[in-house]
Amino acid sequence: MTQVRNFISDNFRTIIIIVSFVVTLYVQHVSNTEHINELTRRCQTLELKVQDQYERIDAIKLDKAVFEATMTQFTSLQTDIREMREDIKELLKHNNR
C-alpha cells in the first residue's frame, strides 16, 4: 500500500495530466456524437424536402403533359369544326341554287 501511495505522490502531476486527457477525449467524443446526430437529423429533413420537391416537379410535369394533350385535342377539334363549316357552306350554296 505504501508503494502505491509513493507511486501516486511521485507521479501525481503525470496522473492528473493523463486523467485530464482521458476526460477531455471523452467530452470531445460525446460532443462530436451529438453533433453527428444533429447533422443526421438535418440531413434527413433535407432529404424529405428534396423528395417533396421531386414530387412537386413530377406533378408539374403531369400537368404540363395534360395541358399539351388538351391543346392537341383542341387543335384537332378546331380543324374538325373548320371542315364542318366549309361543308355546311358548300351545302348551303348547293341548296340556294
N, C-alpha and C. Protein backbone atom coordinates (compact mmCIF):
# COMPACT_ATOMS: atom_id res chain seq x y z
N MET A 1 0.81 -1.18 0.00
CA MET A 1 0.00 0.00 0.00
C MET A 1 0.86 1.26 0.00
N THR A 2 1.92 1.22 0.69
CA THR A 2 2.82 2.38 0.72
C THR A 2 3.49 2.57 -0.63
N GLN A 3 3.68 1.47 -1.35
CA GLN A 3 4.29 1.61 -2.67
C GLN A 3 3.33 2.35 -3.61
N VAL A 4 2.08 2.02 -3.50
CA VAL A 4 1.08 2.69 -4.33
C VAL A 4 1.00 4.16 -3.96
N ARG A 5 0.99 4.43 -2.65
CA ARG A 5 0.94 5.80 -2.17
C ARG A 5 2.16 6.57 -2.64
N ASN A 6 3.31 5.96 -2.57
CA ASN A 6 4.54 6.61 -3.02
C ASN A 6 4.52 6.84 -4.54
N PHE A 7 4.01 5.84 -5.26
CA PHE A 7 3.93 5.98 -6.72
C PHE A 7 3.02 7.15 -7.09
N ILE A 8 1.87 7.22 -6.41
CA ILE A 8 0.92 8.30 -6.70
C ILE A 8 1.51 9.65 -6.32
N SER A 9 2.13 9.73 -5.19
CA SER A 9 2.69 11.02 -4.78
C SER A 9 3.85 11.44 -5.66
N ASP A 10 4.63 10.47 -6.13
CA ASP A 10 5.75 10.80 -7.00
C ASP A 10 5.29 11.19 -8.42
N ASN A 11 4.20 10.61 -8.85
CA ASN A 11 3.73 10.82 -10.23
C ASN A 11 2.37 11.52 -10.29
N PHE A 12 2.07 12.27 -9.25
CA PHE A 12 0.76 12.93 -9.16
C PHE A 12 0.49 13.82 -10.37
N ARG A 13 1.43 14.62 -10.74
CA ARG A 13 1.25 15.54 -11.86
C ARG A 13 0.99 14.77 -13.16
N THR A 14 1.73 13.72 -13.43
CA THR A 14 1.55 12.91 -14.63
C THR A 14 0.18 12.22 -14.62
N ILE A 15 -0.22 11.72 -13.47
CA ILE A 15 -1.52 11.05 -13.36
C ILE A 15 -2.64 12.05 -13.63
N ILE A 16 -2.55 13.25 -13.09
CA ILE A 16 -3.57 14.27 -13.32
C ILE A 16 -3.63 14.62 -14.80
N ILE A 17 -2.48 14.75 -15.44
CA ILE A 17 -2.45 15.08 -16.86
C ILE A 17 -3.11 13.96 -17.68
N ILE A 18 -2.81 12.73 -17.36
CA ILE A 18 -3.39 11.58 -18.09
C ILE A 18 -4.91 11.53 -17.88
N VAL A 19 -5.34 11.69 -16.62
CA VAL A 19 -6.78 11.66 -16.33
C VAL A 19 -7.48 12.82 -17.05
N SER A 20 -6.87 14.00 -17.03
CA SER A 20 -7.45 15.15 -17.73
C SER A 20 -7.54 14.88 -19.23
N PHE A 21 -6.53 14.28 -19.79
CA PHE A 21 -6.52 13.96 -21.21
C PHE A 21 -7.65 12.98 -21.55
N VAL A 22 -7.81 11.95 -20.72
CA VAL A 22 -8.85 10.95 -20.96
C VAL A 22 -10.24 11.60 -20.84
N VAL A 23 -10.43 12.44 -19.84
CA VAL A 23 -11.71 13.10 -19.67
C VAL A 23 -11.99 14.03 -20.85
N THR A 24 -10.97 14.75 -21.31
CA THR A 24 -11.13 15.63 -22.46
C THR A 24 -11.51 14.83 -23.71
N LEU A 25 -10.86 13.69 -23.90
CA LEU A 25 -11.21 12.85 -25.05
C LEU A 25 -12.66 12.37 -24.96
N TYR A 26 -13.09 12.01 -23.76
CA TYR A 26 -14.47 11.55 -23.59
C TYR A 26 -15.46 12.68 -23.88
N VAL A 27 -15.19 13.87 -23.38
CA VAL A 27 -16.07 15.01 -23.61
C VAL A 27 -16.13 15.34 -25.10
N GLN A 28 -15.01 15.31 -25.77
CA GLN A 28 -15.00 15.55 -27.22
C GLN A 28 -15.80 14.48 -27.95
N HIS A 29 -15.65 13.24 -27.52
CA HIS A 29 -16.40 12.14 -28.14
C HIS A 29 -17.91 12.37 -28.00
N VAL A 30 -18.34 12.71 -26.79
CA VAL A 30 -19.77 12.95 -26.56
C VAL A 30 -20.25 14.14 -27.38
N SER A 31 -19.47 15.19 -27.41
CA SER A 31 -19.84 16.38 -28.18
C SER A 31 -19.92 16.07 -29.68
N ASN A 32 -18.93 15.37 -30.18
CA ASN A 32 -18.93 15.01 -31.61
C ASN A 32 -20.08 14.07 -31.95
N THR A 33 -20.39 13.15 -31.06
CA THR A 33 -21.51 12.24 -31.30
C THR A 33 -22.82 13.02 -31.38
N GLU A 34 -23.00 13.99 -30.48
CA GLU A 34 -24.21 14.82 -30.54
C GLU A 34 -24.25 15.65 -31.81
N HIS A 35 -23.11 16.17 -32.21
CA HIS A 35 -23.04 16.96 -33.45
C HIS A 35 -23.37 16.08 -34.66
N ILE A 36 -22.88 14.88 -34.67
CA ILE A 36 -23.19 13.93 -35.76
C ILE A 36 -24.68 13.63 -35.79
N ASN A 37 -25.26 13.44 -34.62
CA ASN A 37 -26.71 13.17 -34.56
C ASN A 37 -27.51 14.35 -35.09
N GLU A 38 -27.09 15.57 -34.73
CA GLU A 38 -27.76 16.77 -35.22
C GLU A 38 -27.65 16.87 -36.74
N LEU A 39 -26.46 16.60 -37.26
CA LEU A 39 -26.27 16.65 -38.72
C LEU A 39 -27.10 15.57 -39.41
N THR A 40 -27.21 14.42 -38.79
CA THR A 40 -28.03 13.34 -39.36
C THR A 40 -29.49 13.77 -39.42
N ARG A 41 -29.98 14.40 -38.35
CA ARG A 41 -31.38 14.88 -38.36
C ARG A 41 -31.58 15.94 -39.44
N ARG A 42 -30.64 16.85 -39.58
CA ARG A 42 -30.75 17.88 -40.62
C ARG A 42 -30.74 17.25 -42.01
N CYS A 43 -29.88 16.27 -42.18
CA CYS A 43 -29.79 15.59 -43.48
C CYS A 43 -31.11 14.91 -43.82
N GLN A 44 -31.70 14.25 -42.83
CA GLN A 44 -32.99 13.59 -43.06
C GLN A 44 -34.07 14.61 -43.41
N THR A 45 -34.05 15.76 -42.74
CA THR A 45 -35.02 16.82 -43.04
C THR A 45 -34.83 17.32 -44.47
N LEU A 46 -33.57 17.52 -44.85
CA LEU A 46 -33.30 17.98 -46.22
C LEU A 46 -33.70 16.94 -47.25
N GLU A 47 -33.47 15.67 -46.95
CA GLU A 47 -33.88 14.61 -47.88
C GLU A 47 -35.39 14.60 -48.06
N LEU A 48 -36.12 14.83 -46.98
CA LEU A 48 -37.58 14.90 -47.09
C LEU A 48 -38.01 16.09 -47.95
N LYS A 49 -37.34 17.22 -47.77
CA LYS A 49 -37.66 18.40 -48.58
C LYS A 49 -37.35 18.15 -50.05
N VAL A 50 -36.23 17.50 -50.32
CA VAL A 50 -35.86 17.19 -51.71
C VAL A 50 -36.89 16.25 -52.31
N GLN A 51 -37.30 15.24 -51.55
CA GLN A 51 -38.31 14.30 -52.05
C GLN A 51 -39.61 15.04 -52.36
N ASP A 52 -40.00 15.96 -51.48
CA ASP A 52 -41.21 16.74 -51.71
C ASP A 52 -41.08 17.58 -52.98
N GLN A 53 -39.92 18.17 -53.19
CA GLN A 53 -39.70 18.97 -54.40
C GLN A 53 -39.78 18.10 -55.66
N TYR A 54 -39.21 16.88 -55.59
CA TYR A 54 -39.31 15.97 -56.74
C TYR A 54 -40.76 15.61 -57.02
N GLU A 55 -41.54 15.40 -55.97
CA GLU A 55 -42.96 15.09 -56.17
C GLU A 55 -43.69 16.27 -56.81
N ARG A 56 -43.35 17.48 -56.38
CA ARG A 56 -43.96 18.66 -56.99
C ARG A 56 -43.57 18.79 -58.46
N ILE A 57 -42.30 18.53 -58.75
CA ILE A 57 -41.84 18.59 -60.15
C ILE A 57 -42.58 17.57 -60.98
N ASP A 58 -42.75 16.35 -60.45
CA ASP A 58 -43.49 15.32 -61.17
C ASP A 58 -44.93 15.76 -61.42
N ALA A 59 -45.54 16.42 -60.42
CA ALA A 59 -46.92 16.90 -60.60
C ALA A 59 -46.96 17.97 -61.68
N ILE A 60 -45.96 18.85 -61.71
CA ILE A 60 -45.92 19.89 -62.74
C ILE A 60 -45.75 19.25 -64.11
N LYS A 61 -44.89 18.24 -64.20
CA LYS A 61 -44.70 17.55 -65.49
C LYS A 61 -46.00 16.91 -65.94
N LEU A 62 -46.73 16.31 -64.99
CA LEU A 62 -48.01 15.69 -65.33
C LEU A 62 -49.00 16.76 -65.81
N ASP A 63 -49.05 17.89 -65.10
CA ASP A 63 -49.94 18.98 -65.51
C ASP A 63 -49.57 19.47 -66.90
N LYS A 64 -48.28 19.57 -67.17
CA LYS A 64 -47.84 20.03 -68.49
C LYS A 64 -48.25 19.03 -69.57
N ALA A 65 -48.10 17.74 -69.28
CA ALA A 65 -48.48 16.72 -70.25
C ALA A 65 -49.98 16.76 -70.52
N VAL A 66 -50.76 16.93 -69.46
CA VAL A 66 -52.22 17.02 -69.62
C VAL A 66 -52.57 18.26 -70.44
N PHE A 67 -51.92 19.38 -70.16
CA PHE A 67 -52.17 20.62 -70.92
C PHE A 67 -51.84 20.43 -72.39
N GLU A 68 -50.69 19.82 -72.67
CA GLU A 68 -50.30 19.60 -74.07
C GLU A 68 -51.28 18.68 -74.77
N ALA A 69 -51.73 17.62 -74.08
CA ALA A 69 -52.72 16.72 -74.69
C ALA A 69 -54.03 17.45 -74.95
N THR A 70 -54.42 18.30 -74.01
CA THR A 70 -55.66 19.07 -74.19
C THR A 70 -55.53 20.03 -75.37
N MET A 71 -54.40 20.69 -75.48
CA MET A 71 -54.19 21.62 -76.59
C MET A 71 -54.19 20.87 -77.92
N THR A 72 -53.63 19.69 -77.95
CA THR A 72 -53.65 18.88 -79.18
C THR A 72 -55.08 18.53 -79.56
N GLN A 73 -55.87 18.17 -78.55
CA GLN A 73 -57.28 17.85 -78.82
C GLN A 73 -58.03 19.10 -79.30
N PHE A 74 -57.75 20.24 -78.70
CA PHE A 74 -58.40 21.48 -79.15
C PHE A 74 -58.04 21.79 -80.60
N THR A 75 -56.79 21.59 -80.94
CA THR A 75 -56.37 21.83 -82.31
C THR A 75 -57.11 20.90 -83.26
N SER A 76 -57.22 19.65 -82.86
CA SER A 76 -57.95 18.68 -83.68
C SER A 76 -59.42 19.07 -83.80
N LEU A 77 -60.03 19.48 -82.70
CA LEU A 77 -61.42 19.92 -82.74
C LEU A 77 -61.59 21.16 -83.61
N GLN A 78 -60.65 22.08 -83.51
CA GLN A 78 -60.70 23.30 -84.31
C GLN A 78 -60.65 22.97 -85.80
N THR A 79 -59.79 22.05 -86.17
CA THR A 79 -59.69 21.62 -87.57
C THR A 79 -61.00 20.97 -88.02
N ASP A 80 -61.54 20.12 -87.16
CA ASP A 80 -62.82 19.46 -87.50
C ASP A 80 -63.94 20.48 -87.68
N ILE A 81 -63.99 21.48 -86.79
CA ILE A 81 -65.04 22.49 -86.88
C ILE A 81 -64.89 23.31 -88.17
N ARG A 82 -63.66 23.63 -88.54
CA ARG A 82 -63.45 24.37 -89.80
C ARG A 82 -63.91 23.55 -91.00
N GLU A 83 -63.61 22.26 -90.97
CA GLU A 83 -64.06 21.40 -92.07
C GLU A 83 -65.58 21.34 -92.11
N MET A 84 -66.20 21.26 -90.92
CA MET A 84 -67.66 21.22 -90.89
C MET A 84 -68.25 22.52 -91.42
N ARG A 85 -67.65 23.65 -91.09
CA ARG A 85 -68.12 24.95 -91.61
C ARG A 85 -68.04 24.99 -93.13
N GLU A 86 -66.91 24.52 -93.63
CA GLU A 86 -66.74 24.51 -95.09
C GLU A 86 -67.80 23.61 -95.74
N ASP A 87 -68.02 22.45 -95.12
CA ASP A 87 -69.03 21.53 -95.67
C ASP A 87 -70.43 22.16 -95.62
N ILE A 88 -70.74 22.83 -94.50
CA ILE A 88 -72.05 23.47 -94.38
C ILE A 88 -72.20 24.59 -95.41
N LYS A 89 -71.14 25.38 -95.60
CA LYS A 89 -71.19 26.45 -96.61
C LYS A 89 -71.43 25.87 -97.99
N GLU A 90 -70.76 24.79 -98.31
CA GLU A 90 -70.94 24.15 -99.61
C GLU A 90 -72.37 23.64 -99.77
N LEU A 91 -72.88 23.02 -98.70
CA LEU A 91 -74.25 22.51 -98.77
C LEU A 91 -75.25 23.67 -98.94
N LEU A 92 -75.02 24.75 -98.24
CA LEU A 92 -75.92 25.90 -98.37
C LEU A 92 -75.85 26.49 -99.75
N LYS A 93 -74.66 26.55 -100.34
CA LYS A 93 -74.52 27.06 -101.69
C LYS A 93 -75.29 26.20 -102.69
N HIS A 94 -75.22 24.90 -102.50
CA HIS A 94 -75.91 23.99 -103.43
C HIS A 94 -77.42 24.04 -103.22
N ASN A 95 -77.88 24.28 -102.02
CA ASN A 95 -79.32 24.37 -101.76
C ASN A 95 -79.90 25.68 -102.26
N ASN A 96 -79.13 26.77 -102.25
CA ASN A 96 -79.62 28.09 -102.70
C ASN A 96 -79.69 28.15 -104.21
N ARG A 97 -79.07 27.35 -104.93
CA ARG A 97 -79.08 27.42 -106.39
C ARG A 97 -80.28 26.83 -106.98
